[in-house]
PDB file of N, CA and C in Angstrom:
ATOM      1  N   UNK A   1      -7.712  -7.686  50.526  1.00  0.00           N
ATOM      2  CA  UNK A   1      -7.406  -6.091  51.158  1.00  0.00           C
ATOM      3  C   UNK A   1      -5.503  -5.440  50.883  1.00  0.00           C
ATOM      4  N   UNK A   2      -4.551  -6.932  50.828  1.00  0.00           N
ATOM      5  CA  UNK A   2      -3.386  -6.959  50.095  1.00  0.00           C
ATOM      6  C   UNK A   2      -3.489  -6.743  48.535  1.00  0.00           C
ATOM      7  N   UNK A   3      -4.301  -7.576  47.936  1.00  0.00           N
ATOM      8  CA  UNK A   3      -4.160  -7.832  46.626  1.00  0.00           C
ATOM      9  C   UNK A   3      -4.018  -6.251  46.345  1.00  0.00           C
ATOM     10  N   UNK A   4      -5.394  -5.347  46.757  1.00  0.00           N
ATOM     11  CA  UNK A   4      -6.053  -3.938  46.780  1.00  0.00           C
ATOM     12  C   UNK A   4      -4.492  -2.982  46.636  1.00  0.00           C
ATOM     13  N   UNK A   5      -3.623  -3.552  47.740  1.00  0.00           N
ATOM     14  CA  UNK A   5      -2.756  -2.635  48.361  1.00  0.00           C
ATOM     15  C   UNK A   5      -1.913  -2.565  46.984  1.00  0.00           C
ATOM     16  N   UNK A   6      -0.988  -4.045  46.905  1.00  0.00           N
ATOM     17  CA  UNK A   6      -0.529  -4.159  45.602  1.00  0.00           C
ATOM     18  C   UNK A   6      -0.760  -3.710  44.484  1.00  0.00           C
ATOM     19  N   UNK A   7      -1.786  -3.906  43.631  1.00  0.00           N
ATOM     20  CA  UNK A   7      -2.169  -3.583  42.386  1.00  0.00           C
ATOM     21  C   UNK A   7      -1.774  -2.726  42.784  1.00  0.00           C
ATOM     22  N   UNK A   8      -2.538  -1.364  43.191  1.00  0.00           N
ATOM     23  CA  UNK A   8      -2.509  -0.057  43.937  1.00  0.00           C
ATOM     24  C   UNK A   8      -1.625   0.604  43.428  1.00  0.00           C
ATOM     25  N   UNK A   9      -0.568   0.393  44.277  1.00  0.00           N
ATOM     26  CA  UNK A   9       1.252   0.233  44.872  1.00  0.00           C
ATOM     27  C   UNK A   9       2.186   0.088  43.194  1.00  0.00           C
ATOM     28  N   UNK A  10       1.867  -0.969  42.313  1.00  0.00           N
ATOM     29  CA  UNK A  10       2.741  -1.214  40.668  1.00  0.00           C
ATOM     30  C   UNK A  10       2.092  -0.172  40.148  1.00  0.00           C
ATOM     31  N   UNK A  11       0.455   0.340  39.928  1.00  0.00           N
ATOM     32  CA  UNK A  11       0.039   0.823  39.583  1.00  0.00           C
ATOM     33  C   UNK A  11       0.694   2.722  39.727  1.00  0.00           C
ATOM     34  N   UNK A  12       1.210   2.302  40.308  1.00  0.00           N
ATOM     35  CA  UNK A  12       1.760   4.256  41.242  1.00  0.00           C
ATOM     36  C   UNK A  12       2.897   3.748  40.901  1.00  0.00           C
ATOM     37  N   UNK A  13       3.894   2.872  40.827  1.00  0.00           N
ATOM     38  CA  UNK A  13       4.874   2.902  40.529  1.00  0.00           C
ATOM     39  C   UNK A  13       5.515   2.442  38.979  1.00  0.00           C
ATOM     40  N   UNK A  14       3.813   2.249  38.035  1.00  0.00           N
ATOM     41  CA  UNK A  14       4.184   2.228  36.358  1.00  0.00           C
ATOM     42  C   UNK A  14       3.779   3.694  36.689  1.00  0.00           C
ATOM     43  N   UNK A  15       2.975   4.360  36.918  1.00  0.00           N
ATOM     44  CA  UNK A  15       2.662   5.615  36.142  1.00  0.00           C
ATOM     45  C   UNK A  15       3.743   6.461  36.772  1.00  0.00           C
ATOM     46  N   UNK A  16       5.442   6.532  37.689  1.00  0.00           N
ATOM     47  CA  UNK A  16       5.883   7.383  37.649  1.00  0.00           C
ATOM     48  C   UNK A  16       6.867   7.050  37.159  1.00  0.00           C
ATOM     49  N   UNK A  17       7.092   4.946  36.942  1.00  0.00           N
ATOM     50  CA  UNK A  17       7.549   5.208  34.958  1.00  0.00           C
ATOM     51  C   UNK A  17       7.911   5.968  34.443  1.00  0.00           C
ATOM     52  N   UNK A  18       6.319   5.911  33.335  1.00  0.00           N
ATOM     53  CA  UNK A  18       6.486   6.117  32.284  1.00  0.00           C
ATOM     54  C   UNK A  18       6.236   7.663  32.378  1.00  0.00           C
ATOM     55  N   UNK A  19       6.381   8.589  33.652  1.00  0.00           N
ATOM     56  CA  UNK A  19       6.872   9.696  33.735  1.00  0.00           C
ATOM     57  C   UNK A  19       7.867  10.388  33.782  1.00  0.00           C
ATOM     58  N   UNK A  20       8.683   9.210  34.684  1.00  0.00           N
ATOM     59  CA  UNK A  20       9.820   9.520  34.360  1.00  0.00           C
ATOM     60  C   UNK A  20      10.948   9.175  33.102  1.00  0.00           C
ATOM     61  N   UNK A  21      10.753   8.239  32.338  1.00  0.00           N
ATOM     62  CA  UNK A  21      10.815   7.861  30.924  1.00  0.00           C
ATOM     63  C   UNK A  21      11.046   8.911  29.574  1.00  0.00           C
ATOM     64  N   UNK A  22       9.720   9.695  29.823  1.00  0.00           N
ATOM     65  CA  UNK A  22       9.106  10.538  28.467  1.00  0.00           C
ATOM     66  C   UNK A  22      10.268  11.468  29.711  1.00  0.00           C
ATOM     67  N   UNK A  23       9.992  12.312  31.063  1.00  0.00           N
ATOM     68  CA  UNK A  23      11.110  13.454  30.449  1.00  0.00           C
ATOM     69  C   UNK A  23      12.955  13.559  30.384  1.00  0.00           C
ATOM     70  N   UNK A  24      13.009  12.338  30.864  1.00  0.00           N
ATOM     71  CA  UNK A  24      14.779  12.805  30.413  1.00  0.00           C
ATOM     72  C   UNK A  24      14.760  11.330  29.160  1.00  0.00           C
ATOM     73  N   UNK A  25      13.704  10.951  28.140  1.00  0.00           N
ATOM     74  CA  UNK A  25      14.582  10.314  27.120  1.00  0.00           C
ATOM     75  C   UNK A  25      14.366  11.003  26.133  1.00  0.00           C
ATOM     76  N   UNK A  26      13.940  11.789  26.185  1.00  0.00           N
ATOM     77  CA  UNK A  26      12.767  12.415  25.286  1.00  0.00           C
ATOM     78  C   UNK A  26      14.689  12.946  24.075  1.00  0.00           C
ATOM     79  N   UNK A  27      13.697  14.621  23.274  1.00  0.00           N
ATOM     80  CA  UNK A  27      14.696  14.728  22.236  1.00  0.00           C
ATOM     81  C   UNK A  27      15.453  15.205  22.439  1.00  0.00           C
ATOM     82  N   UNK A  28      16.830  15.891  22.350  1.00  0.00           N
ATOM     83  CA  UNK A  28      17.631  16.147  23.151  1.00  0.00           C
ATOM     84  C   UNK A  28      17.502  18.132  22.409  1.00  0.00           C
ATOM     85  N   UNK A  29      18.589  19.231  23.452  1.00  0.00           N
ATOM     86  CA  UNK A  29      18.963  20.256  22.800  1.00  0.00           C
ATOM     87  C   UNK A  29      18.712  20.534  21.097  1.00  0.00           C
ATOM     88  N   UNK A  30      18.070  21.485  20.644  1.00  0.00           N
ATOM     89  CA  UNK A  30      17.872  21.972  19.333  1.00  0.00           C
ATOM     90  C   UNK A  30      17.856  21.341  18.121  1.00  0.00           C
ATOM     91  N   UNK A  31      17.365  20.355  18.795  1.00  0.00           N
ATOM     92  CA  UNK A  31      16.852  19.452  17.644  1.00  0.00           C
ATOM     93  C   UNK A  31      15.874  18.745  17.713  1.00  0.00           C
ATOM     94  N   UNK A  32      14.579  19.448  16.279  1.00  0.00           N
ATOM     95  CA  UNK A  32      13.347  19.444  15.905  1.00  0.00           C
ATOM     96  C   UNK A  32      12.522  20.793  16.641  1.00  0.00           C
ATOM     97  N   UNK A  33      13.660  21.546  17.562  1.00  0.00           N
ATOM     98  CA  UNK A  33      12.373  21.819  18.168  1.00  0.00           C
ATOM     99  C   UNK A  33      12.907  23.847  17.172  1.00  0.00           C
ATOM    100  N   UNK A  34      10.711  24.219  17.829  1.00  0.00           N
ATOM    101  CA  UNK A  34      11.424  25.475  16.725  1.00  0.00           C
ATOM    102  C   UNK A  34      12.637  26.037  17.588  1.00  0.00           C
ATOM    103  N   UNK A  35      12.501  27.211  16.509  1.00  0.00           N
ATOM    104  CA  UNK A  35      13.327  28.473  17.126  1.00  0.00           C
ATOM    105  C   UNK A  35      12.570  29.532  17.086  1.00  0.00           C
ATOM    106  N   UNK A  36      12.811  29.912  18.527  1.00  0.00           N
ATOM    107  CA  UNK A  36      12.702  31.970  19.166  1.00  0.00           C
ATOM    108  C   UNK A  36      12.846  32.424  17.951  1.00  0.00           C
ATOM    109  N   UNK A  37      11.618  33.576  18.541  1.00  0.00           N
ATOM    110  CA  UNK A  37      12.326  34.728  17.678  1.00  0.00           C
ATOM    111  C   UNK A  37      13.348  35.903  17.839  1.00  0.00           C
ATOM    112  N   UNK A  38      14.068  35.208  18.714  1.00  0.00           N
ATOM    113  CA  UNK A  38      14.710  36.233  19.918  1.00  0.00           C
ATOM    114  C   UNK A  38      16.600  35.225  19.174  1.00  0.00           C
ATOM    115  N   UNK A  39      15.980  34.286  18.826  1.00  0.00           N
ATOM    116  CA  UNK A  39      17.299  33.008  18.920  1.00  0.00           C
ATOM    117  C   UNK A  39      17.535  33.261  17.375  1.00  0.00           C
ATOM    118  N   UNK A  40      16.130  34.283  15.889  1.00  0.00           N
ATOM    119  CA  UNK A  40      16.920  34.922  14.857  1.00  0.00           C
ATOM    120  C   UNK A  40      16.766  35.610  14.831  1.00  0.00           C
ATOM    121  N   UNK A  41      16.912  36.473  15.449  1.00  0.00           N
ATOM    122  CA  UNK A  41      16.834  37.533  15.632  1.00  0.00           C
ATOM    123  C   UNK A  41      18.888  37.618  16.191  1.00  0.00           C
ATOM    124  N   UNK A  42      19.167  36.844  17.081  1.00  0.00           N
ATOM    125  CA  UNK A  42      20.252  36.682  17.417  1.00  0.00           C
ATOM    126  C   UNK A  42      21.283  36.103  16.511  1.00  0.00           C
ATOM    127  N   UNK A  43      20.871  35.495  15.730  1.00  0.00           N
ATOM    128  CA  UNK A  43      21.718  34.493  14.292  1.00  0.00           C
ATOM    129  C   UNK A  43      21.295  34.890  12.869  1.00  0.00           C
ATOM    130  N   UNK A  44      20.236  36.474  13.000  1.00  0.00           N
ATOM    131  CA  UNK A  44      21.082  37.966  11.817  1.00  0.00           C
ATOM    132  C   UNK A  44      21.608  38.511  11.825  1.00  0.00           C
ATOM    133  N   UNK A  45      22.015  38.863  13.353  1.00  0.00           N
ATOM    134  CA  UNK A  45      23.180  39.007  13.747  1.00  0.00           C
ATOM    135  C   UNK A  45      24.983  39.026  13.635  1.00  0.00           C
ATOM    136  N   UNK A  46      24.306  37.272  14.458  1.00  0.00           N
ATOM    137  CA  UNK A  46      26.151  37.140  13.893  1.00  0.00           C
ATOM    138  C   UNK A  46      26.856  37.183  11.945  1.00  0.00           C
ATOM    139  N   UNK A  47      25.779  36.490  11.363  1.00  0.00           N
ATOM    140  CA  UNK A  47      25.799  36.764  10.143  1.00  0.00           C
ATOM    141  C   UNK A  47      25.880  37.516   9.615  1.00  0.00           C
ATOM    142  N   UNK A  48      25.242  38.891  10.428  1.00  0.00           N
ATOM    143  CA  UNK A  48      26.213  40.207  10.265  1.00  0.00           C
ATOM    144  C   UNK A  48      27.110  40.093   9.739  1.00  0.00           C
ATOM    145  N   UNK A  49      27.605  40.022  11.102  1.00  0.00           N
ATOM    146  CA  UNK A  49      28.581  39.782  11.622  1.00  0.00           C
ATOM    147  C   UNK A  49      30.395  39.749  10.831  1.00  0.00           C
ATOM    148  N   UNK A  50      29.347  37.998  10.759  1.00  0.00           N
ATOM    149  CA  UNK A  50      30.778  37.730  10.019  1.00  0.00           C
ATOM    150  C   UNK A  50      31.276  38.326   8.930  1.00  0.00           C
ATOM    151  N   UNK A  51      29.430  38.396   7.729  1.00  0.00           N
ATOM    152  CA  UNK A  51      29.588  39.181   6.489  1.00  0.00           C
ATOM    153  C   UNK A  51      30.572  40.389   6.248  1.00  0.00           C
ATOM    154  N   UNK A  52      30.213  41.333   7.169  1.00  0.00           N
ATOM    155  CA  UNK A  52      31.099  42.436   7.811  1.00  0.00           C
ATOM    156  C   UNK A  52      32.537  42.564   8.455  1.00  0.00           C
ATOM    157  N   UNK A  53      32.295  41.193   8.859  1.00  0.00           N
ATOM    158  CA  UNK A  53      34.280  41.552   9.004  1.00  0.00           C
ATOM    159  C   UNK A  53      35.749  40.627   8.013  1.00  0.00           C
ATOM    160  N   UNK A  54      34.075  40.159   6.942  1.00  0.00           N
ATOM    161  CA  UNK A  54      35.772  39.775   6.131  1.00  0.00           C
ATOM    162  C   UNK A  54      34.984  40.538   5.029  1.00  0.00           C
ATOM    163  N   UNK A  55      34.881  41.352   5.334  1.00  0.00           N
ATOM    164  CA  UNK A  55      35.225  42.500   4.456  1.00  0.00           C
ATOM    165  C   UNK A  55      36.629  42.948   3.720  1.00  0.00           C
ATOM    166  N   UNK A  56      37.078  42.808   2.728  1.00  0.00           N
ATOM    167  CA  UNK A  56      38.963  42.920   2.658  1.00  0.00           C
ATOM    168  C   UNK A  56      38.013  44.207   1.520  1.00  0.00           C
ATOM    169  N   UNK A  57      38.662  45.805   2.448  1.00  0.00           N
ATOM    170  CA  UNK A  57      38.057  47.207   2.064  1.00  0.00           C
ATOM    171  C   UNK A  57      39.607  47.529   2.464  1.00  0.00           C
TER     172      UNK A  57
END
């Protein structure tokens, strides 16, 4: 009976470790993630501002 409890605890801790490892050691921010439509629109606006700010009139 004690062996079953130890084995169940080991399996539980292995599961918790695997979940923790995958949650916190994943990709960093904007590393291969798709850009949302809102972010694309903001980037377009920023580029438009930069081109109009540099216009020598």
